[in-house]
Every structure is written in structure tokens, then in C-alpha cells.
Amino acid sequence: MAAGGGSSDDVPIFHAENLISNVKSINYSRTFLSIISGVVDGIWGFTGLMGYVFYFLMMMVASIGLLVKAKFSVHTYFDSWNRIIIEGVLGGIMSFVLFSTFSYDTVHIF
């Protein structure tokens, strides 16, 4: 047996195109969820800190949904857990605030 023969099976191999495609899918889904949750937030009338709590709860639900979709086998599709848990969360805040403000103004002010 060659030296290090068993260690080659321990190293995960990722295809760059597949990893990029999976990360893009996460970003698209989080952006879409940010828009939808912003509209729901504005219609329900959450303001201030409650709106941000709602946003982060929705992102947590999205992370759980992604974990279920990946059958809790994260390293098959991604290089780390951070891709599913954190990827795109902070980038969606601006979309959330924009659509939350727009829908709140439309429903509660006009």
C-alpha cells in the first residue's frame, strides 16, 4: 500500500462550476425571499426592530430549508456550512428595507 493511500478519500473534491452555481442559487433564493418578506413585513406593519427580527427569522427559515433540501449533507454541495447559514443574508437587507418601506407606505399611509 502506498503512503497516504487512505487520505485521498478524505479530501472532498468540488467542481468550481457546480459550487458557483449552488452559491448563485442561494443568493437568488435569499434575494427573492428578502423581497417577499419585505412586502409581508410592510403589509403586516412591522416597524423598527421588529421588522429586522422578522427578516432574520425568515433568513433562518431559509437556512433550515436549504439544509433540508441538501438532505443535511452540506459538504456534498458546498465547501463550508457558512455558505448555507450566512451567504446572502446581509446582502438582502437593502432589498428587504426597500420593499418593506414601499408596501408599508402603500398599505398604511395611502
PDB file of N, CA and C in Angstrom:
ATOM      1  N   MET A   1       0.849  -1.175   0.000  1.00  0.00           N
ATOM      2  CA  MET A   1       0.000   0.000   0.000  1.00  0.00           C
ATOM      3  C   MET A   1       0.892   1.234   0.000  1.00  0.00           C
ATOM      4  N   ALA A   2       0.517   2.210  -0.824  1.00  0.00           N
ATOM      5  CA  ALA A   2       1.303   3.439  -0.932  1.00  0.00           C
ATOM      6  C   ALA A   2       1.056   4.329   0.276  1.00  0.00           C
ATOM      7  N   ALA A   3       2.031   5.160   0.570  1.00  0.00           N
ATOM      8  CA  ALA A   3       1.899   6.085   1.698  1.00  0.00           C
ATOM      9  C   ALA A   3       0.797   7.094   1.414  1.00  0.00           C
ATOM     10  N   GLY A   4      -0.081   7.270   2.389  1.00  0.00           N
ATOM     11  CA  GLY A   4      -1.175   8.235   2.240  1.00  0.00           C
ATOM     12  C   GLY A   4      -2.286   7.727   1.352  1.00  0.00           C
ATOM     13  N   GLY A   5      -2.368   6.427   1.151  1.00  0.00           N
ATOM     14  CA  GLY A   5      -3.381   5.862   0.266  1.00  0.00           C
ATOM     15  C   GLY A   5      -4.795   6.118   0.755  1.00  0.00           C
ATOM     16  N   GLY A   6      -5.023   6.116   2.060  1.00  0.00           N
ATOM     17  CA  GLY A   6      -6.373   6.318   2.592  1.00  0.00           C
ATOM     18  C   GLY A   6      -6.747   7.772   2.719  1.00  0.00           C
ATOM     19  N   SER A   7      -5.764   8.652   2.671  1.00  0.00           N
ATOM     20  CA  SER A   7      -6.061  10.068   2.889  1.00  0.00           C
ATOM     21  C   SER A   7      -6.673  10.733   1.664  1.00  0.00           C
ATOM     22  N   SER A   8      -6.507  10.146   0.476  1.00  0.00           N
ATOM     23  CA  SER A   8      -7.069  10.785  -0.715  1.00  0.00           C
ATOM     24  C   SER A   8      -8.591  10.720  -0.725  1.00  0.00           C
ATOM     25  N   ASP A   9      -9.173   9.753  -0.019  1.00  0.00           N
ATOM     26  CA  ASP A   9     -10.630   9.653   0.042  1.00  0.00           C
ATOM     27  C   ASP A   9     -11.232  10.666   1.010  1.00  0.00           C
ATOM     28  N   ASP A  10     -10.430  11.196   1.900  1.00  0.00           N
ATOM     29  CA  ASP A  10     -10.924  12.125   2.915  1.00  0.00           C
ATOM     30  C   ASP A  10     -11.065  13.553   2.390  1.00  0.00           C
ATOM     31  N   VAL A  11     -10.390  13.874   1.308  1.00  0.00           N
ATOM     32  CA  VAL A  11     -10.406  15.236   0.786  1.00  0.00           C
ATOM     33  C   VAL A  11     -11.590  15.403  -0.164  1.00  0.00           C
ATOM     34  N   PRO A  12     -12.530  16.306   0.162  1.00  0.00           N
ATOM     35  CA  PRO A  12     -13.656  16.500  -0.760  1.00  0.00           C
ATOM     36  C   PRO A  12     -13.198  17.218  -2.026  1.00  0.00           C
ATOM     37  N   ILE A  13     -13.750  16.812  -3.139  1.00  0.00           N
ATOM     38  CA  ILE A  13     -13.416  17.425  -4.422  1.00  0.00           C
ATOM     39  C   ILE A  13     -14.640  18.180  -4.915  1.00  0.00           C
ATOM     40  N   PHE A  14     -14.443  19.458  -5.225  1.00  0.00           N
ATOM     41  CA  PHE A  14     -15.535  20.291  -5.712  1.00  0.00           C
ATOM     42  C   PHE A  14     -15.240  20.723  -7.137  1.00  0.00           C
ATOM     43  N   HIS A  15     -16.243  20.708  -7.945  1.00  0.00           N
ATOM     44  CA  HIS A  15     -16.129  21.294  -9.274  1.00  0.00           C
ATOM     45  C   HIS A  15     -16.503  22.762  -9.138  1.00  0.00           C
ATOM     46  N   ALA A  16     -15.660  23.629  -9.621  1.00  0.00           N
ATOM     47  CA  ALA A  16     -15.864  25.072  -9.439  1.00  0.00           C
ATOM     48  C   ALA A  16     -17.189  25.525 -10.032  1.00  0.00           C
ATOM     49  N   GLU A  17     -17.555  24.999 -11.189  1.00  0.00           N
ATOM     50  CA  GLU A  17     -18.805  25.415 -11.833  1.00  0.00           C
ATOM     51  C   GLU A  17     -20.017  25.037 -10.981  1.00  0.00           C
ATOM     52  N   ASN A  18     -19.974  23.841 -10.404  1.00  0.00           N
ATOM     53  CA  ASN A  18     -21.092  23.402  -9.568  1.00  0.00           C
ATOM     54  C   ASN A  18     -21.188  24.225  -8.291  1.00  0.00           C
ATOM     55  N   LEU A  19     -20.042  24.506  -7.677  1.00  0.00           N
ATOM     56  CA  LEU A  19     -20.040  25.308  -6.453  1.00  0.00           C
ATOM     57  C   LEU A  19     -20.545  26.719  -6.731  1.00  0.00           C
ATOM     58  N   ILE A  20     -20.106  27.319  -7.823  1.00  0.00           N
ATOM     59  CA  ILE A  20     -20.570  28.659  -8.191  1.00  0.00           C
ATOM     60  C   ILE A  20     -22.067  28.647  -8.470  1.00  0.00           C
ATOM     61  N   SER A  21     -22.538  27.631  -9.154  1.00  0.00           N
ATOM     62  CA  SER A  21     -23.971  27.517  -9.442  1.00  0.00           C
ATOM     63  C   SER A  21     -24.790  27.371  -8.160  1.00  0.00           C
ATOM     64  N   ASN A  22     -24.302  26.586  -7.215  1.00  0.00           N
ATOM     65  CA  ASN A  22     -25.008  26.411  -5.949  1.00  0.00           C
ATOM     66  C   ASN A  22     -25.038  27.702  -5.136  1.00  0.00           C
ATOM     67  N   VAL A  23     -23.929  28.437  -5.124  1.00  0.00           N
ATOM     68  CA  VAL A  23     -23.888  29.709  -4.396  1.00  0.00           C
ATOM     69  C   VAL A  23     -24.812  30.729  -5.057  1.00  0.00           C
ATOM     70  N   LYS A  24     -24.855  30.742  -6.390  1.00  0.00           N
ATOM     71  CA  LYS A  24     -25.783  31.639  -7.086  1.00  0.00           C
ATOM     72  C   LYS A  24     -27.224  31.299  -6.742  1.00  0.00           C
ATOM     73  N   SER A  25     -27.536  30.029  -6.648  1.00  0.00           N
ATOM     74  CA  SER A  25     -28.886  29.610  -6.284  1.00  0.00           C
ATOM     75  C   SER A  25     -29.262  30.105  -4.891  1.00  0.00           C
ATOM     76  N   ILE A  26     -28.315  30.034  -3.964  1.00  0.00           N
ATOM     77  CA  ILE A  26     -28.569  30.536  -2.616  1.00  0.00           C
ATOM     78  C   ILE A  26     -28.812  32.038  -2.656  1.00  0.00           C
ATOM     79  N   ASN A  27     -27.979  32.772  -3.385  1.00  0.00           N
ATOM     80  CA  ASN A  27     -28.139  34.224  -3.458  1.00  0.00           C
ATOM     81  C   ASN A  27     -29.466  34.613  -4.105  1.00  0.00           C
ATOM     82  N   TYR A  28     -29.848  33.932  -5.175  1.00  0.00           N
ATOM     83  CA  TYR A  28     -31.132  34.233  -5.820  1.00  0.00           C
ATOM     84  C   TYR A  28     -32.304  33.938  -4.890  1.00  0.00           C
ATOM     85  N   SER A  29     -32.245  32.816  -4.205  1.00  0.00           N
ATOM     86  CA  SER A  29     -33.352  32.469  -3.312  1.00  0.00           C
ATOM     87  C   SER A  29     -33.437  33.433  -2.129  1.00  0.00           C
ATOM     88  N   ARG A  30     -32.293  33.845  -1.600  1.00  0.00           N
ATOM     89  CA  ARG A  30     -32.319  34.800  -0.481  1.00  0.00           C
ATOM     90  C   ARG A  30     -32.793  36.181  -0.935  1.00  0.00           C
ATOM     91  N   THR A  31     -32.404  36.591  -2.142  1.00  0.00           N
ATOM     92  CA  THR A  31     -32.881  37.882  -2.654  1.00  0.00           C
ATOM     93  C   THR A  31     -34.390  37.845  -2.853  1.00  0.00           C
ATOM     94  N   PHE A  32     -34.887  36.779  -3.433  1.00  0.00           N
ATOM     95  CA  PHE A  32     -36.330  36.636  -3.631  1.00  0.00           C
ATOM     96  C   PHE A  32     -37.053  36.616  -2.290  1.00  0.00           C
ATOM     97  N   LEU A  33     -36.525  35.869  -1.329  1.00  0.00           N
ATOM     98  CA  LEU A  33     -37.144  35.813  -0.005  1.00  0.00           C
ATOM     99  C   LEU A  33     -37.063  37.168   0.698  1.00  0.00           C
ATOM    100  N   SER A  34     -36.002  37.927   0.470  1.00  0.00           N
ATOM    101  CA  SER A  34     -35.897  39.271   1.055  1.00  0.00           C
ATOM    102  C   SER A  34     -36.993  40.174   0.521  1.00  0.00           C
ATOM    103  N   ILE A  35     -37.263  40.080  -0.773  1.00  0.00           N
ATOM    104  CA  ILE A  35     -38.317  40.904  -1.372  1.00  0.00           C
ATOM    105  C   ILE A  35     -39.684  40.498  -0.845  1.00  0.00           C
ATOM    106  N   ILE A  36     -39.960  39.208  -0.846  1.00  0.00           N
ATOM    107  CA  ILE A  36     -41.261  38.720  -0.374  1.00  0.00           C
ATOM    108  C   ILE A  36     -41.453  39.031   1.106  1.00  0.00           C
ATOM    109  N   SER A  37     -40.434  38.793   1.917  1.00  0.00           N
ATOM    110  CA  SER A  37     -40.576  39.075   3.348  1.00  0.00           C
ATOM    111  C   SER A  37     -40.666  40.574   3.610  1.00  0.00           C
ATOM    112  N   GLY A  38     -40.044  41.397   2.779  1.00  0.00           N
ATOM    113  CA  GLY A  38     -40.200  42.846   2.913  1.00  0.00           C
ATOM    114  C   GLY A  38     -41.620  43.289   2.639  1.00  0.00           C
ATOM    115  N   VAL A  39     -42.233  42.722   1.619  1.00  0.00           N
ATOM    116  CA  VAL A  39     -43.627  43.048   1.305  1.00  0.00           C
ATOM    117  C   VAL A  39     -44.548  42.597   2.436  1.00  0.00           C
ATOM    118  N   VAL A  40     -44.346  41.380   2.926  1.00  0.00           N
ATOM    119  CA  VAL A  40     -45.170  40.869   4.032  1.00  0.00           C
ATOM    120  C   VAL A  40     -44.959  41.711   5.280  1.00  0.00           C
ATOM    121  N   ASP A  41     -43.719  42.072   5.557  1.00  0.00           N
ATOM    122  CA  ASP A  41     -43.395  42.905   6.712  1.00  0.00           C
ATOM    123  C   ASP A  41     -44.116  44.250   6.640  1.00  0.00           C
ATOM    124  N   GLY A  42     -44.097  44.867   5.473  1.00  0.00           N
ATOM    125  CA  GLY A  42     -44.767  46.155   5.320  1.00  0.00           C
ATOM    126  C   GLY A  42     -46.271  46.048   5.432  1.00  0.00           C
ATOM    127  N   ILE A  43     -46.850  45.007   4.882  1.00  0.00           N
ATOM    128  CA  ILE A  43     -48.303  44.822   4.959  1.00  0.00           C
ATOM    129  C   ILE A  43     -48.732  44.557   6.389  1.00  0.00           C
ATOM    130  N   TRP A  44     -47.976  43.736   7.107  1.00  0.00           N
ATOM    131  CA  TRP A  44     -48.309  43.450   8.499  1.00  0.00           C
ATOM    132  C   TRP A  44     -47.995  44.619   9.423  1.00  0.00           C
ATOM    133  N   GLY A  45     -47.225  45.591   8.949  1.00  0.00           N
ATOM    134  CA  GLY A  45     -46.981  46.802   9.721  1.00  0.00           C
ATOM    135  C   GLY A  45     -45.871  46.702  10.753  1.00  0.00           C
ATOM    136  N   PHE A  46     -44.950  45.783  10.571  1.00  0.00           N
ATOM    137  CA  PHE A  46     -43.807  45.717  11.490  1.00  0.00           C
ATOM    138  C   PHE A  46     -42.898  46.910  11.227  1.00  0.00           C
ATOM    139  N   THR A  47     -42.534  47.612  12.277  1.00  0.00           N
ATOM    140  CA  THR A  47     -41.633  48.756  12.125  1.00  0.00           C
ATOM    141  C   THR A  47     -40.479  48.614  13.115  1.00  0.00           C
ATOM    142  N   GLY A  48     -39.412  49.324  12.818  1.00  0.00           N
ATOM    143  CA  GLY A  48     -38.262  49.350  13.718  1.00  0.00           C
ATOM    144  C   GLY A  48     -37.598  48.006  13.876  1.00  0.00           C
ATOM    145  N   LEU A  49     -37.240  47.682  15.103  1.00  0.00           N
ATOM    146  CA  LEU A  49     -36.508  46.473  15.417  1.00  0.00           C
ATOM    147  C   LEU A  49     -37.318  45.215  15.093  1.00  0.00           C
ATOM    148  N   MET A  50     -38.623  45.294  15.232  1.00  0.00           N
ATOM    149  CA  MET A  50     -39.473  44.130  14.943  1.00  0.00           C
ATOM    150  C   MET A  50     -39.357  43.706  13.481  1.00  0.00           C
ATOM    151  N   GLY A  51     -39.191  44.654  12.589  1.00  0.00           N
ATOM    152  CA  GLY A  51     -39.014  44.332  11.180  1.00  0.00           C
ATOM    153  C   GLY A  51     -37.728  43.571  10.926  1.00  0.00           C
ATOM    154  N   TYR A  52     -36.655  43.982  11.572  1.00  0.00           N
ATOM    155  CA  TYR A  52     -35.380  43.283  11.405  1.00  0.00           C
ATOM    156  C   TYR A  52     -35.415  41.896  12.041  1.00  0.00           C
ATOM    157  N   VAL A  53     -36.109  41.765  13.154  1.00  0.00           N
ATOM    158  CA  VAL A  53     -36.278  40.444  13.770  1.00  0.00           C
ATOM    159  C   VAL A  53     -37.023  39.531  12.810  1.00  0.00           C
ATOM    160  N   PHE A  54     -38.072  40.049  12.172  1.00  0.00           N
ATOM    161  CA  PHE A  54     -38.818  39.276  11.183  1.00  0.00           C
ATOM    162  C   PHE A  54     -37.916  38.857  10.027  1.00  0.00           C
ATOM    163  N   TYR A  55     -37.085  39.779   9.558  1.00  0.00           N
ATOM    164  CA  TYR A  55     -36.170  39.471   8.452  1.00  0.00           C
ATOM    165  C   TYR A  55     -35.216  38.338   8.821  1.00  0.00           C
ATOM    166  N   PHE A  56     -34.584  38.435   9.986  1.00  0.00           N
ATOM    167  CA  PHE A  56     -33.622  37.413  10.371  1.00  0.00           C
ATOM    168  C   PHE A  56     -34.295  36.082  10.673  1.00  0.00           C
ATOM    169  N   LEU A  57     -35.534  36.100  11.142  1.00  0.00           N
ATOM    170  CA  LEU A  57     -36.286  34.852  11.302  1.00  0.00           C
ATOM    171  C   LEU A  57     -36.557  34.204   9.951  1.00  0.00           C
ATOM    172  N   MET A  58     -36.902  35.017   8.963  1.00  0.00           N
ATOM    173  CA  MET A  58     -37.142  34.478   7.620  1.00  0.00           C
ATOM    174  C   MET A  58     -35.855  33.913   7.027  1.00  0.00           C
ATOM    175  N   MET A  59     -34.735  34.557   7.272  1.00  0.00           N
ATOM    176  CA  MET A  59     -33.465  34.038   6.769  1.00  0.00           C
ATOM    177  C   MET A  59     -33.079  32.744   7.488  1.00  0.00           C
ATOM    178  N   MET A  60     -33.445  32.631   8.749  1.00  0.00           N
ATOM    179  CA  MET A  60     -33.189  31.401   9.486  1.00  0.00           C
ATOM    180  C   MET A  60     -34.049  30.260   8.917  1.00  0.00           C
ATOM    181  N   VAL A  61     -35.290  30.562   8.600  1.00  0.00           N
ATOM    182  CA  VAL A  61     -36.163  29.566   7.977  1.00  0.00           C
ATOM    183  C   VAL A  61     -35.598  29.156   6.615  1.00  0.00           C
ATOM    184  N   ALA A  62     -35.062  30.116   5.864  1.00  0.00           N
ATOM    185  CA  ALA A  62     -34.456  29.807   4.571  1.00  0.00           C
ATOM    186  C   ALA A  62     -33.242  28.903   4.748  1.00  0.00           C
ATOM    187  N   SER A  63     -32.432  29.157   5.768  1.00  0.00           N
ATOM    188  CA  SER A  63     -31.265  28.311   6.025  1.00  0.00           C
ATOM    189  C   SER A  63     -31.684  26.886   6.358  1.00  0.00           C
ATOM    190  N   ILE A  64     -32.716  26.755   7.160  1.00  0.00           N
ATOM    191  CA  ILE A  64     -33.215  25.419   7.501  1.00  0.00           C
ATOM    192  C   ILE A  64     -33.768  24.732   6.253  1.00  0.00           C
ATOM    193  N   GLY A  65     -34.474  25.491   5.425  1.00  0.00           N
ATOM    194  CA  GLY A  65     -34.988  24.934   4.177  1.00  0.00           C
ATOM    195  C   GLY A  65     -33.874  24.475   3.246  1.00  0.00           C
ATOM    196  N   LEU A  66     -32.805  25.233   3.172  1.00  0.00           N
ATOM    197  CA  LEU A  66     -31.663  24.838   2.350  1.00  0.00           C
ATOM    198  C   LEU A  66     -30.978  23.590   2.906  1.00  0.00           C
ATOM    199  N   LEU A  67     -30.903  23.502   4.228  1.00  0.00           N
ATOM    200  CA  LEU A  67     -30.330  22.306   4.837  1.00  0.00           C
ATOM    201  C   LEU A  67     -31.177  21.078   4.531  1.00  0.00           C
ATOM    202  N   VAL A  68     -32.480  21.231   4.601  1.00  0.00           N
ATOM    203  CA  VAL A  68     -33.376  20.114   4.277  1.00  0.00           C
ATOM    204  C   VAL A  68     -33.246  19.747   2.808  1.00  0.00           C
ATOM    205  N   LYS A  69     -33.189  20.754   1.930  1.00  0.00           N
ATOM    206  CA  LYS A  69     -33.037  20.498   0.501  1.00  0.00           C
ATOM    207  C   LYS A  69     -31.734  19.755   0.203  1.00  0.00           C
ATOM    208  N   ALA A  70     -30.663  20.077   0.940  1.00  0.00           N
ATOM    209  CA  ALA A  70     -29.375  19.404   0.765  1.00  0.00           C
ATOM    210  C   ALA A  70     -29.308  18.093   1.552  1.00  0.00           C
ATOM    211  N   LYS A  71     -30.428  17.722   2.182  1.00  0.00           N
ATOM    212  CA  LYS A  71     -30.515  16.489   2.988  1.00  0.00           C
ATOM    213  C   LYS A  71     -29.449  16.458   4.078  1.00  0.00           C
ATOM    214  N   PHE A  72     -29.162  17.614   4.649  1.00  0.00           N
ATOM    215  CA  PHE A  72     -28.202  17.802   5.735  1.00  0.00           C
ATOM    216  C   PHE A  72     -26.803  17.298   5.363  1.00  0.00           C
ATOM    217  N   SER A  73     -26.546  17.176   4.090  1.00  0.00           N
ATOM    218  CA  SER A  73     -25.233  16.763   3.589  1.00  0.00           C
ATOM    219  C   SER A  73     -24.586  17.977   2.926  1.00  0.00           C
ATOM    220  N   VAL A  74     -24.221  18.941   3.735  1.00  0.00           N
ATOM    221  CA  VAL A  74     -23.739  20.232   3.243  1.00  0.00           C
ATOM    222  C   VAL A  74     -22.466  20.087   2.425  1.00  0.00           C
ATOM    223  N   HIS A  75     -21.565  19.251   2.866  1.00  0.00           N
ATOM    224  CA  HIS A  75     -20.269  19.146   2.192  1.00  0.00           C
ATOM    225  C   HIS A  75     -20.344  18.437   0.839  1.00  0.00           C
ATOM    226  N   THR A  76     -21.500  17.911   0.496  1.00  0.00           N
ATOM    227  CA  THR A  76     -21.685  17.359  -0.842  1.00  0.00           C
ATOM    228  C   THR A  76     -21.863  18.477  -1.868  1.00  0.00           C
ATOM    229  N   TYR A  77     -22.474  19.590  -1.441  1.00  0.00           N
ATOM    230  CA  TYR A  77     -22.815  20.670  -2.362  1.00  0.00           C
ATOM    231  C   TYR A  77     -22.015  21.951  -2.149  1.00  0.00           C
ATOM    232  N   PHE A  78     -21.487  22.144  -0.944  1.00  0.00           N
ATOM    233  CA  PHE A  78     -20.800  23.387  -0.599  1.00  0.00           C
ATOM    234  C   PHE A  78     -19.487  23.090   0.100  1.00  0.00           C
ATOM    235  N   ASP A  79     -18.620  24.094   0.130  1.00  0.00           N
ATOM    236  CA  ASP A  79     -17.322  23.901   0.771  1.00  0.00           C
ATOM    237  C   ASP A  79     -17.359  24.131   2.275  1.00  0.00           C
ATOM    238  N   SER A  80     -18.396  24.794   2.790  1.00  0.00           N
ATOM    239  CA  SER A  80     -18.494  25.001   4.240  1.00  0.00           C
ATOM    240  C   SER A  80     -19.947  25.265   4.629  1.00  0.00           C
ATOM    241  N   TRP A  81     -20.204  25.152   5.918  1.00  0.00           N
ATOM    242  CA  TRP A  81     -21.539  25.420   6.462  1.00  0.00           C
ATOM    243  C   TRP A  81     -21.907  26.894   6.318  1.00  0.00           C
ATOM    244  N   ASN A  82     -20.920  27.770   6.294  1.00  0.00           N
ATOM    245  CA  ASN A  82     -21.191  29.206   6.197  1.00  0.00           C
ATOM    246  C   ASN A  82     -21.935  29.558   4.917  1.00  0.00           C
ATOM    247  N   ARG A  83     -21.744  28.779   3.872  1.00  0.00           N
ATOM    248  CA  ARG A  83     -22.448  29.056   2.613  1.00  0.00           C
ATOM    249  C   ARG A  83     -23.951  28.977   2.800  1.00  0.00           C
ATOM    250  N   ILE A  84     -24.423  28.022   3.547  1.00  0.00           N
ATOM    251  CA  ILE A  84     -25.869  27.867   3.738  1.00  0.00           C
ATOM    252  C   ILE A  84     -26.384  28.814   4.820  1.00  0.00           C
ATOM    253  N   ILE A  85     -25.621  29.003   5.862  1.00  0.00           N
ATOM    254  CA  ILE A  85     -26.118  29.764   7.007  1.00  0.00           C
ATOM    255  C   ILE A  85     -26.002  31.271   6.805  1.00  0.00           C
ATOM    256  N   ILE A  86     -24.896  31.760   6.228  1.00  0.00           N
ATOM    257  CA  ILE A  86     -24.646  33.200   6.182  1.00  0.00           C
ATOM    258  C   ILE A  86     -24.749  33.799   4.784  1.00  0.00           C
ATOM    259  N   GLU A  87     -24.468  33.024   3.759  1.00  0.00           N
ATOM    260  CA  GLU A  87     -24.360  33.539   2.386  1.00  0.00           C
ATOM    261  C   GLU A  87     -25.622  34.302   1.974  1.00  0.00           C
ATOM    262  N   GLY A  88     -25.467  35.564   1.629  1.00  0.00           N
ATOM    263  CA  GLY A  88     -26.549  36.380   1.104  1.00  0.00           C
ATOM    264  C   GLY A  88     -27.466  37.013   2.125  1.00  0.00           C
ATOM    265  N   VAL A  89     -27.251  36.750   3.415  1.00  0.00           N
ATOM    266  CA  VAL A  89     -28.146  37.303   4.443  1.00  0.00           C
ATOM    267  C   VAL A  89     -27.997  38.820   4.524  1.00  0.00           C
ATOM    268  N   LEU A  90     -26.775  39.308   4.615  1.00  0.00           N
ATOM    269  CA  LEU A  90     -26.572  40.755   4.742  1.00  0.00           C
ATOM    270  C   LEU A  90     -26.831  41.482   3.431  1.00  0.00           C
ATOM    271  N   GLY A  91     -26.638  40.808   2.318  1.00  0.00           N
ATOM    272  CA  GLY A  91     -26.895  41.428   1.020  1.00  0.00           C
ATOM    273  C   GLY A  91     -28.365  41.664   0.754  1.00  0.00           C
ATOM    274  N   GLY A  92     -29.236  40.931   1.404  1.00  0.00           N
ATOM    275  CA  GLY A  92     -30.671  41.075   1.188  1.00  0.00           C
ATOM    276  C   GLY A  92     -31.341  42.126   2.056  1.00  0.00           C
ATOM    277  N   ILE A  93     -30.609  42.691   2.989  1.00  0.00           N
ATOM    278  CA  ILE A  93     -31.225  43.665   3.908  1.00  0.00           C
ATOM    279  C   ILE A  93     -31.735  44.890   3.155  1.00  0.00           C
ATOM    280  N   MET A  94     -30.965  45.369   2.191  1.00  0.00           N
ATOM    281  CA  MET A  94     -31.396  46.572   1.466  1.00  0.00           C
ATOM    282  C   MET A  94     -32.670  46.319   0.661  1.00  0.00           C
ATOM    283  N   SER A  95     -32.774  45.157   0.030  1.00  0.00           N
ATOM    284  CA  SER A  95     -33.997  44.809  -0.691  1.00  0.00           C
ATOM    285  C   SER A  95     -35.161  44.689   0.273  1.00  0.00           C
ATOM    286  N   PHE A  96     -34.908  44.087   1.414  1.00  0.00           N
ATOM    287  CA  PHE A  96     -35.946  43.952   2.433  1.00  0.00           C
ATOM    288  C   PHE A  96     -36.464  45.316   2.876  1.00  0.00           C
ATOM    289  N   VAL A  97     -35.556  46.223   3.191  1.00  0.00           N
ATOM    290  CA  VAL A  97     -35.954  47.560   3.661  1.00  0.00           C
ATOM    291  C   VAL A  97     -36.705  48.310   2.569  1.00  0.00           C
ATOM    292  N   LEU A  98     -36.244  48.218   1.339  1.00  0.00           N
ATOM    293  CA  LEU A  98     -36.900  48.903   0.227  1.00  0.00           C
ATOM    294  C   LEU A  98     -38.333  48.434   0.055  1.00  0.00           C
ATOM    295  N   PHE A  99     -38.541  47.128  -0.021  1.00  0.00           N
ATOM    296  CA  PHE A  99     -39.885  46.610  -0.248  1.00  0.00           C
ATOM    297  C   PHE A  99     -40.760  46.710   0.988  1.00  0.00           C
ATOM    298  N   SER A 100     -40.159  46.648   2.160  1.00  0.00           N
ATOM    299  CA  SER A 100     -40.923  46.839   3.387  1.00  0.00           C
ATOM    300  C   SER A 100     -41.451  48.269   3.472  1.00  0.00           C
ATOM    301  N   THR A 101     -40.596  49.223   3.182  1.00  0.00           N
ATOM    302  CA  THR A 101     -40.996  50.630   3.213  1.00  0.00           C
ATOM    303  C   THR A 101     -42.065  50.924   2.167  1.00  0.00           C
ATOM    304  N   PHE A 102     -41.863  50.410   0.970  1.00  0.00           N
ATOM    305  CA  PHE A 102     -42.825  50.636  -0.110  1.00  0.00           C
ATOM    306  C   PHE A 102     -44.190  50.041   0.235  1.00  0.00           C
ATOM    307  N   SER A 103     -44.217  48.797   0.693  1.00  0.00           N
ATOM    308  CA  SER A 103     -45.509  48.176   0.991  1.00  0.00           C
ATOM    309  C   SER A 103     -46.151  48.781   2.235  1.00  0.00           C
ATOM    310  N   TYR A 104     -45.357  49.178   3.224  1.00  0.00           N
ATOM    311  CA  TYR A 104     -45.915  49.826   4.405  1.00  0.00           C
ATOM    312  C   TYR A 104     -46.563  51.159   4.021  1.00  0.00           C
ATOM    313  N   ASP A 105     -45.862  51.943   3.213  1.00  0.00           N
ATOM    314  CA  ASP A 105     -46.409  53.225   2.773  1.00  0.00           C
ATOM    315  C   ASP A 105     -47.677  53.040   1.953  1.00  0.00           C
ATOM    316  N   THR A 106     -47.684  52.044   1.086  1.00  0.00           N
ATOM    317  CA  THR A 106     -48.836  51.812   0.227  1.00  0.00           C
ATOM    318  C   THR A 106     -50.058  51.385   1.033  1.00  0.00           C
ATOM    319  N   VAL A 107     -49.867  50.517   2.017  1.00  0.00           N
ATOM    320  CA  VAL A 107     -50.984  49.976   2.772  1.00  0.00           C
ATOM    321  C   VAL A 107     -51.423  50.874   3.908  1.00  0.00           C
ATOM    322  N   HIS A 108     -50.486  51.405   4.659  1.00  0.00           N
ATOM    323  CA  HIS A 108     -50.833  52.104   5.903  1.00  0.00           C
ATOM    324  C   HIS A 108     -50.890  53.619   5.784  1.00  0.00           C
ATOM    325  N   ILE A 109     -50.263  54.198   4.789  1.00  0.00           N
ATOM    326  CA  ILE A 109     -50.267  55.662   4.679  1.00  0.00           C
ATOM    327  C   ILE A 109     -51.240  56.136   3.619  1.00  0.00           C
ATOM    328  N   PHE A 110     -51.244  55.490   2.453  1.00  0.00           N
ATOM    329  CA  PHE A 110     -52.103  55.970   1.364  1.00  0.00           C
ATOM    330  C   PHE A 110     -53.439  55.381   1.488  1.00  0.00           C
TER     331      PHE A 110
END
